[in-house]
Amino acid sequence: MVSQEQRRRQLAREKFLRQQQRRTEARRKSRTRNSVIASVLGVVLIGSVALYTTGALEQDDDQANANAEATPSASAPSKAPDPCDKPAEGKPKSETWKKEPAMSIDKSAKYTLKLDTTCGEIDVALKASAAPHTVNSFDFLAGKGYFDHTKCHRLTTNGIYVLQCGDPTGTGTGGPGYTIPDENLKDKSLKDNIYPAGTVAMANTGQKNSGGSQFFLVYQDSQLPPSYTPFGTVSEAGMKVLKKIADAGENTGAGDGAPNATVVIDKATVTES
């Protein structure tokens, strides 16, 4: 007899597989439709239309259904007060690029990603030697101010526990116009398909080598397939910020929605130490 926790994890995994299948079909239809429009109107489609979301990190009707099965008597929690400050003045940038930036980092050096957010500072020790393409891309995008004034648009609180950021559009569909290869999928920290608390990993479309700019920060051990490039580790102080954000909950009450906290990256920087 399975426990409630085992059933909840099983439902989360089943949901993940269904979402992967739906996104693959949606991308196929989207590519076909865009091709027809372009051929008739001569429209040149610029940038990426890939959905940079993690496999188990997309809001849909199945999430509510899964939650209902796992916790039949659960009711939506009341919205917690916003624990964060107002964002700094400024707007996200919309610039995109056609190809991955040339390698410019020193793979043997140590790099730190600093996220100055409305909820506090989150420092991430980057894994340059294990995920050089990912770290190089973040160094490039941060240098361009790509992440500045962007919202962390998604918080999951049921089965998978992450905060998702890195999309200037704030919709979960944005990206830098290029993709980067998967890396470090056999990281020693990933055991039994668990991304441990403190992991920072790339979101993707569910297909290989489809990461862009969106990433997620794990605030509690989460069961996911090893398909998302782990490229950094959050500092102890940063974990306290993530916990504050998570404690405020998300806006659907179903465990997958926008954070109730106003989580905006005022400034992102990558430094070499």
C-alpha atoms as a PDB file:
ATOM      1  CA  MET A   1       0.000   0.000   0.000  1.00  0.00           C
ATOM      2  CA  VAL A   2       1.513   3.294  -1.078  1.00  0.00           C
ATOM      3  CA  SER A   3       1.665   6.223   1.274  1.00  0.00           C
ATOM      4  CA  GLN A   4       0.091   9.587   0.527  1.00  0.00           C
ATOM      5  CA  GLU A   5       3.551  11.054  -0.070  1.00  0.00           C
ATOM      6  CA  GLN A   6       4.434   8.264  -2.544  1.00  0.00           C
ATOM      7  CA  ARG A   7       1.119   8.789  -4.334  1.00  0.00           C
ATOM      8  CA  ARG A   8       1.762  12.532  -4.536  1.00  0.00           C
ATOM      9  CA  ARG A   9       5.209  11.980  -6.052  1.00  0.00           C
ATOM     10  CA  GLN A  10       3.772   9.452  -8.510  1.00  0.00           C
ATOM     11  CA  LEU A  11       1.137  11.956  -9.617  1.00  0.00           C
ATOM     12  CA  ALA A  12       3.800  14.614 -10.115  1.00  0.00           C
ATOM     13  CA  ARG A  13       5.876  12.273 -12.281  1.00  0.00           C
ATOM     14  CA  GLU A  14       2.846  11.241 -14.355  1.00  0.00           C
ATOM     15  CA  LYS A  15       1.965  14.893 -14.856  1.00  0.00           C
ATOM     16  CA  PHE A  16       5.516  15.586 -15.995  1.00  0.00           C
ATOM     17  CA  LEU A  17       5.283  12.907 -18.711  1.00  0.00           C
ATOM     18  CA  ARG A  18       1.917  14.194 -19.935  1.00  0.00           C
ATOM     19  CA  GLN A  19       3.262  17.736 -20.174  1.00  0.00           C
ATOM     20  CA  GLN A  20       6.304  16.603 -22.154  1.00  0.00           C
ATOM     21  CA  GLN A  21       4.033  14.911 -24.699  1.00  0.00           C
ATOM     22  CA  ARG A  22       1.709  17.914 -24.951  1.00  0.00           C
ATOM     23  CA  ARG A  23       4.549  20.396 -25.400  1.00  0.00           C
ATOM     24  CA  THR A  24       6.139  18.276 -28.127  1.00  0.00           C
ATOM     25  CA  GLU A  25       2.831  18.166 -30.020  1.00  0.00           C
ATOM     26  CA  ALA A  26       2.223  21.888 -29.436  1.00  0.00           C
ATOM     27  CA  ARG A  27       5.668  22.782 -30.795  1.00  0.00           C
ATOM     28  CA  ARG A  28       5.068  20.620 -33.867  1.00  0.00           C
ATOM     29  CA  LYS A  29       1.753  22.345 -34.580  1.00  0.00           C
ATOM     30  CA  SER A  30       3.285  25.753 -33.883  1.00  0.00           C
ATOM     31  CA  ARG A  31       6.141  25.148 -36.317  1.00  0.00           C
ATOM     32  CA  THR A  32       3.702  24.016 -39.015  1.00  0.00           C
ATOM     33  CA  ARG A  33       1.421  27.017 -38.491  1.00  0.00           C
ATOM     34  CA  ASN A  34       4.307  29.491 -38.472  1.00  0.00           C
ATOM     35  CA  SER A  35       5.739  27.985 -41.635  1.00  0.00           C
ATOM     36  CA  VAL A  36       2.435  28.461 -43.462  1.00  0.00           C
ATOM     37  CA  ILE A  37       2.059  32.047 -42.254  1.00  0.00           C
ATOM     38  CA  ALA A  38       5.614  32.882 -43.249  1.00  0.00           C
ATOM     39  CA  SER A  39       5.228  31.446 -46.735  1.00  0.00           C
ATOM     40  CA  VAL A  40       2.011  33.407 -47.391  1.00  0.00           C
ATOM     41  CA  LEU A  41       2.867  36.730 -45.818  1.00  0.00           C
ATOM     42  CA  GLY A  42       6.641  36.686 -46.084  1.00  0.00           C
ATOM     43  CA  VAL A  43       6.990  37.178 -42.362  1.00  0.00           C
ATOM     44  CA  VAL A  44      10.384  36.426 -40.891  1.00  0.00           C
ATOM     45  CA  LEU A  45      10.039  34.944 -37.457  1.00  0.00           C
ATOM     46  CA  ILE A  46      12.796  36.178 -35.173  1.00  0.00           C
ATOM     47  CA  GLY A  47      13.863  34.641 -31.887  1.00  0.00           C
ATOM     48  CA  SER A  48      12.815  31.556 -30.108  1.00  0.00           C
ATOM     49  CA  VAL A  49       9.263  30.318 -29.659  1.00  0.00           C
ATOM     50  CA  ALA A  50      10.367  27.444 -27.476  1.00  0.00           C
ATOM     51  CA  LEU A  51       8.744  27.252 -24.067  1.00  0.00           C
ATOM     52  CA  TYR A  52      11.625  27.435 -21.628  1.00  0.00           C
ATOM     53  CA  THR A  53       9.889  25.676 -18.795  1.00  0.00           C
ATOM     54  CA  THR A  54      10.927  22.685 -16.825  1.00  0.00           C
ATOM     55  CA  GLY A  55       9.103  19.470 -17.479  1.00  0.00           C
ATOM     56  CA  ALA A  56       7.109  19.484 -14.283  1.00  0.00           C
ATOM     57  CA  LEU A  57       6.854  23.252 -14.109  1.00  0.00           C
ATOM     58  CA  GLU A  58       3.906  24.249 -16.254  1.00  0.00           C
ATOM     59  CA  GLN A  59       0.487  25.296 -15.001  1.00  0.00           C
ATOM     60  CA  ASP A  60      -2.432  23.360 -16.488  1.00  0.00           C
ATOM     61  CA  ASP A  61      -5.641  21.627 -15.514  1.00  0.00           C
ATOM     62  CA  ASP A  62      -3.796  18.411 -14.654  1.00  0.00           C
ATOM     63  CA  GLN A  63      -2.096  20.124 -11.709  1.00  0.00           C
ATOM     64  CA  ALA A  64      -5.404  20.864 -10.066  1.00  0.00           C
ATOM     65  CA  ASN A  65      -6.618  17.326 -10.781  1.00  0.00           C
ATOM     66  CA  ALA A  66      -3.459  15.782  -9.358  1.00  0.00           C
ATOM     67  CA  ASN A  67      -3.745  17.853  -6.218  1.00  0.00           C
ATOM     68  CA  ALA A  68      -7.377  16.887  -5.826  1.00  0.00           C
ATOM     69  CA  GLU A  69      -6.470  13.192  -5.987  1.00  0.00           C
ATOM     70  CA  ALA A  70      -3.540  13.528  -3.618  1.00  0.00           C
ATOM     71  CA  THR A  71      -5.305  15.665  -1.031  1.00  0.00           C
ATOM     72  CA  PRO A  72      -9.095  15.390  -1.540  1.00  0.00           C
ATOM     73  CA  SER A  73      -9.969  17.599   1.406  1.00  0.00           C
ATOM     74  CA  ALA A  74      -7.356  20.296   0.777  1.00  0.00           C
ATOM     75  CA  SER A  75      -8.550  23.861   0.213  1.00  0.00           C
ATOM     76  CA  ALA A  76      -6.732  26.807  -1.326  1.00  0.00           C
ATOM     77  CA  PRO A  77      -4.634  28.605   1.280  1.00  0.00           C
ATOM     78  CA  SER A  78      -5.208  32.271   1.994  1.00  0.00           C
ATOM     79  CA  LYS A  79      -2.762  34.600   0.338  1.00  0.00           C
ATOM     80  CA  ALA A  80       0.195  35.485   2.538  1.00  0.00           C
ATOM     81  CA  PRO A  81       1.453  39.070   2.802  1.00  0.00           C
ATOM     82  CA  ASP A  82       4.068  40.091   0.245  1.00  0.00           C
ATOM     83  CA  PRO A  83       7.417  39.874   2.070  1.00  0.00           C
ATOM     84  CA  CYS A  84       9.416  41.644  -0.633  1.00  0.00           C
ATOM     85  CA  ASP A  85      10.217  45.224  -1.612  1.00  0.00           C
ATOM     86  CA  LYS A  86       9.152  47.217  -4.646  1.00  0.00           C
ATOM     87  CA  PRO A  87      11.242  46.640  -7.795  1.00  0.00           C
ATOM     88  CA  ALA A  88      13.858  49.137  -8.877  1.00  0.00           C
ATOM     89  CA  GLU A  89      12.864  51.385 -11.749  1.00  0.00           C
ATOM     90  CA  GLY A  90      13.487  49.938 -15.182  1.00  0.00           C
ATOM     91  CA  LYS A  91      12.093  47.552 -17.763  1.00  0.00           C
ATOM     92  CA  PRO A  92      13.326  44.177 -19.033  1.00  0.00           C
ATOM     93  CA  LYS A  93      15.248  44.173 -22.285  1.00  0.00           C
ATOM     94  CA  SER A  94      13.902  42.462 -25.381  1.00  0.00           C
ATOM     95  CA  GLU A  95      17.152  41.930 -27.287  1.00  0.00           C
ATOM     96  CA  THR A  96      17.798  38.451 -28.706  1.00  0.00           C
ATOM     97  CA  TRP A  97      20.720  36.821 -30.482  1.00  0.00           C
ATOM     98  CA  LYS A  98      20.891  34.327 -33.330  1.00  0.00           C
ATOM     99  CA  LYS A  99      23.524  32.042 -31.893  1.00  0.00           C
ATOM    100  CA  GLU A 100      25.173  31.021 -28.652  1.00  0.00           C
ATOM    101  CA  PRO A 101      27.935  33.438 -27.601  1.00  0.00           C
ATOM    102  CA  ALA A 102      31.544  32.452 -28.219  1.00  0.00           C
ATOM    103  CA  MET A 103      33.286  30.833 -25.266  1.00  0.00           C
ATOM    104  CA  SER A 104      34.973  33.553 -23.214  1.00  0.00           C
ATOM    105  CA  ILE A 105      35.125  32.222 -19.658  1.00  0.00           C
ATOM    106  CA  ASP A 106      38.039  30.422 -18.046  1.00  0.00           C
ATOM    107  CA  LYS A 107      36.718  26.913 -17.409  1.00  0.00           C
ATOM    108  CA  SER A 108      39.159  26.429 -14.563  1.00  0.00           C
ATOM    109  CA  ALA A 109      38.165  29.618 -12.727  1.00  0.00           C
ATOM    110  CA  LYS A 110      35.506  30.123 -10.073  1.00  0.00           C
ATOM    111  CA  TYR A 111      32.477  32.245 -10.914  1.00  0.00           C
ATOM    112  CA  THR A 112      29.604  33.579  -8.823  1.00  0.00           C
ATOM    113  CA  LEU A 113      26.192  34.647 -10.040  1.00  0.00           C
ATOM    114  CA  LYS A 114      24.715  37.379  -7.867  1.00  0.00           C
ATOM    115  CA  LEU A 115      20.988  38.024  -8.094  1.00  0.00           C
ATOM    116  CA  ASP A 116      19.975  41.263  -6.412  1.00  0.00           C
ATOM    117  CA  THR A 117      16.247  40.668  -6.005  1.00  0.00           C
ATOM    118  CA  THR A 118      13.414  42.546  -4.379  1.00  0.00           C
ATOM    119  CA  CYS A 119      13.349  39.797  -1.749  1.00  0.00           C
ATOM    120  CA  GLY A 120      17.054  39.801  -0.954  1.00  0.00           C
ATOM    121  CA  GLU A 121      20.402  38.811  -2.426  1.00  0.00           C
ATOM    122  CA  ILE A 122      20.821  35.308  -3.843  1.00  0.00           C
ATOM    123  CA  ASP A 123      24.395  34.225  -4.531  1.00  0.00           C
ATOM    124  CA  VAL A 124      25.065  31.168  -6.677  1.00  0.00           C
ATOM    125  CA  ALA A 125      28.421  29.390  -6.955  1.00  0.00           C
ATOM    126  CA  LEU A 126      28.654  28.448 -10.641  1.00  0.00           C
ATOM    127  CA  LYS A 127      30.081  25.186 -11.996  1.00  0.00           C
ATOM    128  CA  ALA A 128      32.210  26.506 -14.838  1.00  0.00           C
ATOM    129  CA  SER A 129      34.235  23.350 -15.389  1.00  0.00           C
ATOM    130  CA  ALA A 130      31.215  21.036 -15.383  1.00  0.00           C
ATOM    131  CA  ALA A 131      28.821  23.296 -17.330  1.00  0.00           C
ATOM    132  CA  PRO A 132      30.982  25.733 -19.328  1.00  0.00           C
ATOM    133  CA  HIS A 133      28.423  26.519 -22.054  1.00  0.00           C
ATOM    134  CA  THR A 134      25.779  27.338 -19.461  1.00  0.00           C
ATOM    135  CA  VAL A 135      28.044  29.468 -17.307  1.00  0.00           C
ATOM    136  CA  ASN A 136      29.434  31.232 -20.377  1.00  0.00           C
ATOM    137  CA  SER A 137      25.900  32.025 -21.544  1.00  0.00           C
ATOM    138  CA  PHE A 138      24.954  33.432 -18.137  1.00  0.00           C
ATOM    139  CA  ASP A 139      28.108  35.528 -18.084  1.00  0.00           C
ATOM    140  CA  PHE A 140      27.185  36.898 -21.526  1.00  0.00           C
ATOM    141  CA  LEU A 141      23.513  37.555 -20.746  1.00  0.00           C
ATOM    142  CA  ALA A 142      24.200  39.118 -17.351  1.00  0.00           C
ATOM    143  CA  GLY A 143      26.774  41.374 -18.974  1.00  0.00           C
ATOM    144  CA  LYS A 144      24.111  42.540 -21.418  1.00  0.00           C
ATOM    145  CA  GLY A 145      21.672  43.294 -18.595  1.00  0.00           C
ATOM    146  CA  TYR A 146      19.346  40.616 -19.939  1.00  0.00           C
ATOM    147  CA  PHE A 147      18.103  39.473 -16.525  1.00  0.00           C
ATOM    148  CA  ASP A 148      17.753  42.951 -15.018  1.00  0.00           C
ATOM    149  CA  HIS A 149      14.191  43.970 -14.035  1.00  0.00           C
ATOM    150  CA  THR A 150      12.807  40.512 -14.875  1.00  0.00           C
ATOM    151  CA  LYS A 151      10.230  38.693 -12.777  1.00  0.00           C
ATOM    152  CA  CYS A 152      10.647  35.219 -11.385  1.00  0.00           C
ATOM    153  CA  HIS A 153       7.364  34.136 -12.862  1.00  0.00           C
ATOM    154  CA  ARG A 154       6.751  30.710 -11.365  1.00  0.00           C
ATOM    155  CA  LEU A 155       6.696  28.988  -7.999  1.00  0.00           C
ATOM    156  CA  THR A 156       5.834  25.323  -7.462  1.00  0.00           C
ATOM    157  CA  THR A 157       4.945  24.092  -3.986  1.00  0.00           C
ATOM    158  CA  ASN A 158       3.581  20.580  -4.474  1.00  0.00           C
ATOM    159  CA  GLY A 159       5.842  17.594  -5.225  1.00  0.00           C
ATOM    160  CA  ILE A 160       8.418  19.794  -6.943  1.00  0.00           C
ATOM    161  CA  TYR A 161       9.729  22.823  -5.085  1.00  0.00           C
ATOM    162  CA  VAL A 162      11.317  25.445  -7.303  1.00  0.00           C
ATOM    163  CA  LEU A 163      11.326  29.117  -8.186  1.00  0.00           C
ATOM    164  CA  GLN A 164      11.633  29.714 -11.927  1.00  0.00           C
ATOM    165  CA  CYS A 165      13.232  32.843 -13.377  1.00  0.00           C
ATOM    166  CA  GLY A 166      15.088  34.128 -16.433  1.00  0.00           C
ATOM    167  CA  ASP A 167      12.284  35.093 -18.823  1.00  0.00           C
ATOM    168  CA  PRO A 168      12.141  38.815 -19.679  1.00  0.00           C
ATOM    169  CA  THR A 169       8.542  38.404 -20.878  1.00  0.00           C
ATOM    170  CA  GLY A 170       7.460  36.989 -17.524  1.00  0.00           C
ATOM    171  CA  THR A 171       5.241  34.464 -19.322  1.00  0.00           C
ATOM    172  CA  GLY A 172       7.389  31.338 -19.407  1.00  0.00           C
ATOM    173  CA  THR A 173       7.747  31.553 -23.198  1.00  0.00           C
ATOM    174  CA  GLY A 174      10.711  33.938 -23.529  1.00  0.00           C
ATOM    175  CA  GLY A 175      14.311  33.218 -24.371  1.00  0.00           C
ATOM    176  CA  PRO A 176      17.506  34.752 -25.752  1.00  0.00           C
ATOM    177  CA  GLY A 177      17.002  33.535 -29.328  1.00  0.00           C
ATOM    178  CA  TYR A 178      19.577  30.745 -29.092  1.00  0.00           C
ATOM    179  CA  THR A 179      19.845  27.448 -27.249  1.00  0.00           C
ATOM    180  CA  ILE A 180      22.709  25.823 -25.362  1.00  0.00           C
ATOM    181  CA  PRO A 181      23.624  22.145 -24.962  1.00  0.00           C
ATOM    182  CA  ASP A 182      22.719  20.031 -21.963  1.00  0.00           C
ATOM    183  CA  GLU A 183      25.615  19.612 -19.556  1.00  0.00           C
ATOM    184  CA  ASN A 184      26.552  17.974 -16.272  1.00  0.00           C
ATOM    185  CA  LEU A 185      23.557  15.623 -16.214  1.00  0.00           C
ATOM    186  CA  LYS A 186      25.572  13.089 -14.233  1.00  0.00           C
ATOM    187  CA  ASP A 187      26.501  15.532 -11.497  1.00  0.00           C
ATOM    188  CA  LYS A 188      27.314  13.666  -8.299  1.00  0.00           C
ATOM    189  CA  SER A 189      24.714  15.727  -6.431  1.00  0.00           C
ATOM    190  CA  LEU A 190      21.883  14.147  -8.454  1.00  0.00           C
ATOM    191  CA  LYS A 191      20.968  10.873  -6.775  1.00  0.00           C
ATOM    192  CA  ASP A 192      17.801   8.809  -7.278  1.00  0.00           C
ATOM    193  CA  ASN A 193      16.397  11.487  -9.598  1.00  0.00           C
ATOM    194  CA  ILE A 194      16.466  14.049  -6.807  1.00  0.00           C
ATOM    195  CA  TYR A 195      17.570  17.634  -7.414  1.00  0.00           C
ATOM    196  CA  PRO A 196      18.643  18.613  -3.894  1.00  0.00           C
ATOM    197  CA  ALA A 197      17.739  21.889  -2.233  1.00  0.00           C
ATOM    198  CA  GLY A 198      20.130  24.631  -3.317  1.00  0.00           C
ATOM    199  CA  THR A 199      20.524  23.348  -6.883  1.00  0.00           C
ATOM    200  CA  VAL A 200      20.252  25.864  -9.722  1.00  0.00           C
ATOM    201  CA  ALA A 201      19.439  24.233 -13.058  1.00  0.00           C
ATOM    202  CA  MET A 202      18.386  25.136 -16.569  1.00  0.00           C
ATOM    203  CA  ALA A 203      14.781  24.905 -17.668  1.00  0.00           C
ATOM    204  CA  ASN A 204      14.169  23.489 -21.131  1.00  0.00           C
ATOM    205  CA  THR A 205      11.443  22.494 -23.564  1.00  0.00           C
ATOM    206  CA  GLY A 206      11.616  18.806 -22.769  1.00  0.00           C
ATOM    207  CA  GLN A 207      13.884  18.202 -25.753  1.00  0.00           C
ATOM    208  CA  LYS A 208      17.637  17.684 -25.670  1.00  0.00           C
ATOM    209  CA  ASN A 209      19.869  20.750 -25.892  1.00  0.00           C
ATOM    210  CA  SER A 210      16.952  23.194 -25.680  1.00  0.00           C
ATOM    211  CA  GLY A 211      17.997  25.379 -22.747  1.00  0.00           C
ATOM    212  CA  GLY A 212      17.929  29.140 -23.230  1.00  0.00           C
ATOM    213  CA  SER A 213      17.822  31.712 -20.435  1.00  0.00           C
ATOM    214  CA  GLN A 214      15.215  30.338 -18.038  1.00  0.00           C
ATOM    215  CA  PHE A 215      16.429  28.587 -14.928  1.00  0.00           C
ATOM    216  CA  PHE A 216      15.070  27.311 -11.656  1.00  0.00           C
ATOM    217  CA  LEU A 217      16.257  27.408  -8.058  1.00  0.00           C
ATOM    218  CA  VAL A 218      15.388  24.406  -5.900  1.00  0.00           C
ATOM    219  CA  TYR A 219      14.387  25.381  -2.360  1.00  0.00           C
ATOM    220  CA  GLN A 220      13.477  21.846  -1.230  1.00  0.00           C
ATOM    221  CA  ASP A 221      14.572  18.419  -2.495  1.00  0.00           C
ATOM    222  CA  SER A 222      12.594  17.727  -5.677  1.00  0.00           C
ATOM    223  CA  GLN A 223      12.165  14.559  -7.711  1.00  0.00           C
ATOM    224  CA  LEU A 224      12.876  15.226 -11.380  1.00  0.00           C
ATOM    225  CA  PRO A 225      14.498  13.230 -14.175  1.00  0.00           C
ATOM    226  CA  PRO A 226      18.167  14.182 -14.720  1.00  0.00           C
ATOM    227  CA  SER A 227      17.363  16.207 -17.840  1.00  0.00           C
ATOM    228  CA  TYR A 228      18.023  19.719 -16.582  1.00  0.00           C
ATOM    229  CA  THR A 229      21.577  21.055 -16.523  1.00  0.00           C
ATOM    230  CA  PRO A 230      22.654  21.678 -12.902  1.00  0.00           C
ATOM    231  CA  PHE A 231      25.077  24.584 -13.075  1.00  0.00           C
ATOM    232  CA  GLY A 232      25.176  26.198  -9.654  1.00  0.00           C
ATOM    233  CA  THR A 233      24.551  26.013  -5.915  1.00  0.00           C
ATOM    234  CA  VAL A 234      22.743  28.648  -3.849  1.00  0.00           C
ATOM    235  CA  SER A 235      24.508  30.073  -0.801  1.00  0.00           C
ATOM    236  CA  GLU A 236      23.137  29.553   2.706  1.00  0.00           C
ATOM    237  CA  ALA A 237      21.981  33.175   2.857  1.00  0.00           C
ATOM    238  CA  GLY A 238      20.357  32.795  -0.546  1.00  0.00           C
ATOM    239  CA  MET A 239      18.430  29.756   0.668  1.00  0.00           C
ATOM    240  CA  LYS A 240      16.869  31.895   3.393  1.00  0.00           C
ATOM    241  CA  VAL A 241      15.643  34.285   0.699  1.00  0.00           C
ATOM    242  CA  LEU A 242      14.167  31.387  -1.273  1.00  0.00           C
ATOM    243  CA  LYS A 243      12.414  30.092   1.832  1.00  0.00           C
ATOM    244  CA  LYS A 244      10.872  33.518   2.421  1.00  0.00           C
ATOM    245  CA  ILE A 245       9.552  33.511  -1.139  1.00  0.00           C
ATOM    246  CA  ALA A 246       8.249  29.949  -0.862  1.00  0.00           C
ATOM    247  CA  ASP A 247       6.557  30.614   2.476  1.00  0.00           C
ATOM    248  CA  ALA A 248       4.478  33.339   0.831  1.00  0.00           C
ATOM    249  CA  GLY A 249       3.037  30.723  -1.545  1.00  0.00           C
ATOM    250  CA  GLU A 250       1.759  30.985  -5.087  1.00  0.00           C
ATOM    251  CA  ASN A 251      -1.375  32.566  -6.489  1.00  0.00           C
ATOM    252  CA  THR A 252      -3.451  29.542  -7.545  1.00  0.00           C
ATOM    253  CA  GLY A 253      -3.540  27.542  -4.333  1.00  0.00           C
ATOM    254  CA  ALA A 254      -2.932  24.467  -6.518  1.00  0.00           C
ATOM    255  CA  GLY A 255       0.811  24.367  -6.004  1.00  0.00           C
ATOM    256  CA  ASP A 256       1.882  25.818  -9.364  1.00  0.00           C
ATOM    257  CA  GLY A 257       1.515  29.482 -10.227  1.00  0.00           C
ATOM    258  CA  ALA A 258       3.023  32.920  -9.908  1.00  0.00           C
ATOM    259  CA  PRO A 259       4.674  33.719  -6.563  1.00  0.00           C
ATOM    260  CA  ASN A 260       2.594  35.757  -4.159  1.00  0.00           C
ATOM    261  CA  ALA A 261       5.835  37.542  -3.342  1.00  0.00           C
ATOM    262  CA  THR A 262       6.954  40.230  -5.781  1.00  0.00           C
ATOM    263  CA  VAL A 263      10.125  38.497  -6.969  1.00  0.00           C
ATOM    264  CA  VAL A 264      12.024  40.703  -9.415  1.00  0.00           C
ATOM    265  CA  ILE A 265      15.705  40.486 -10.286  1.00  0.00           C
ATOM    266  CA  ASP A 266      16.786  44.121 -10.078  1.00  0.00           C
ATOM    267  CA  LYS A 267      20.316  43.266 -11.176  1.00  0.00           C
ATOM    268  CA  ALA A 268      22.200  40.107 -12.128  1.00  0.00           C
ATOM    269  CA  THR A 269      25.983  39.955 -12.264  1.00  0.00           C
ATOM    270  CA  VAL A 270      28.555  37.223 -12.854  1.00  0.00           C
ATOM    271  CA  THR A 271      31.973  37.721 -11.312  1.00  0.00           C
ATOM    272  CA  GLU A 272      35.170  35.714 -11.448  1.00  0.00           C
ATOM    273  CA  SER A 273      36.996  35.074  -8.193  1.00  0.00           C
END
